Amino acid sequence: MRVEIRELGGGGRGVADVGKRTWFVAGALPGEVVEVERERERAGVIEARVAAVLKESPWREPDRARPWRYPQAQSCRLVPSE
């Protein structure tokens, strides 16, 4: 399933709306379009994780310290290094 992330929600998960359901996506940032894998579903809410980032957020920056941690999607830091 392909979703567009509109904001960050609880626990730092990306939030997307698809139809009448809200998706909480682990590993996604606002402004990204991501391919997701559904993990859990309950009344009007779906929890998922990023399978692939199709359009990156300008906030996404590769984490060079742990590139092996997220094989399907790059991990990220929200604050750019200077």
Protein backbone atom coordinates (compact mmCIF):
# COMPACT_ATOMS: atom_id res chain seq x y z
CA MET A 1 0.00 0.00 0.00
CA ARG A 2 1.32 3.47 -0.90
CA VAL A 3 0.61 6.37 1.51
CA GLU A 4 1.63 10.03 1.89
CA ILE A 5 2.72 11.09 5.38
CA ARG A 6 1.19 14.38 6.57
CA GLU A 7 2.71 14.77 10.06
CA LEU A 8 4.44 13.05 12.95
CA GLY A 9 2.26 11.42 15.58
CA GLY A 10 2.75 9.66 18.89
CA GLY A 11 6.00 7.82 19.30
CA GLY A 12 7.50 9.60 16.28
CA ARG A 13 5.47 7.60 13.77
CA GLY A 14 4.33 9.20 10.52
CA VAL A 15 0.58 9.82 10.19
CA ALA A 16 -1.36 9.33 6.96
CA ASP A 17 -5.08 9.33 6.14
CA VAL A 18 -6.40 6.83 3.62
CA GLY A 19 -10.16 6.93 3.23
CA LYS A 20 -11.72 7.00 6.69
CA ARG A 21 -8.73 5.31 8.33
CA THR A 22 -5.66 6.74 9.99
CA TRP A 23 -2.32 5.06 9.40
CA PHE A 24 0.59 5.26 11.86
CA VAL A 25 3.79 4.38 10.02
CA ALA A 26 7.05 3.61 11.84
CA GLY A 27 10.11 4.98 10.03
CA ALA A 28 8.28 7.63 7.96
CA LEU A 29 8.68 11.43 8.00
CA PRO A 30 6.23 14.22 7.05
CA GLY A 31 6.05 14.87 3.30
CA GLU A 32 7.22 11.39 2.32
CA VAL A 33 5.43 8.98 0.03
CA VAL A 34 6.12 5.47 1.27
CA GLU A 35 5.23 1.89 0.49
CA VAL A 36 4.09 0.29 3.76
CA GLU A 37 3.56 -3.15 5.25
CA ARG A 38 0.56 -3.49 7.54
CA GLU A 39 1.42 -4.80 11.02
CA ARG A 40 -1.70 -4.30 13.14
CA GLU A 41 -5.26 -3.11 12.64
CA ARG A 42 -7.92 -1.89 15.08
CA ALA A 43 -11.01 0.36 14.99
CA GLY A 44 -10.21 2.95 12.32
CA VAL A 45 -6.44 2.79 12.92
CA ILE A 46 -3.77 0.83 11.08
CA GLU A 47 -0.19 0.45 12.31
CA ALA A 48 2.43 -0.18 9.65
CA ARG A 49 6.12 0.11 8.90
CA VAL A 50 8.01 1.48 5.92
CA ALA A 51 8.84 -1.07 3.24
CA ALA A 52 10.27 1.49 0.80
CA VAL A 53 10.62 5.28 0.63
CA LEU A 54 9.32 6.45 -2.76
CA LYS A 55 9.69 10.21 -2.18
CA GLU A 56 12.02 11.37 0.60
CA SER A 57 11.34 14.16 3.06
CA PRO A 58 13.86 17.01 3.14
CA TRP A 59 14.29 16.08 6.83
CA ARG A 60 15.61 12.60 6.02
CA GLU A 61 19.33 12.19 6.43
CA PRO A 62 21.18 8.86 6.31
CA ASP A 63 22.39 7.52 9.63
CA ARG A 64 25.95 6.53 8.84
CA ALA A 65 26.48 4.95 12.26
CA ARG A 66 23.97 2.10 11.79
CA PRO A 67 23.19 1.45 8.09
CA TRP A 68 22.34 -2.20 8.78
CA ARG A 69 19.52 -1.46 11.26
CA TYR A 70 16.73 -0.89 8.68
CA PRO A 71 17.41 -2.97 5.59
CA GLN A 72 14.12 -2.00 3.87
CA ALA A 73 14.29 1.74 4.60
CA GLN A 74 17.11 4.07 5.53
CA SER A 75 17.18 5.11 9.14
CA CYS A 76 17.27 8.82 9.73
CA ARG A 77 18.09 11.66 12.05
CA LEU A 78 15.79 14.66 12.25
CA VAL A 79 18.51 17.19 13.06
CA PRO A 80 21.14 17.73 10.35
CA SER A 81 24.77 17.39 11.41
CA GLU A 82 26.86 20.52 11.18
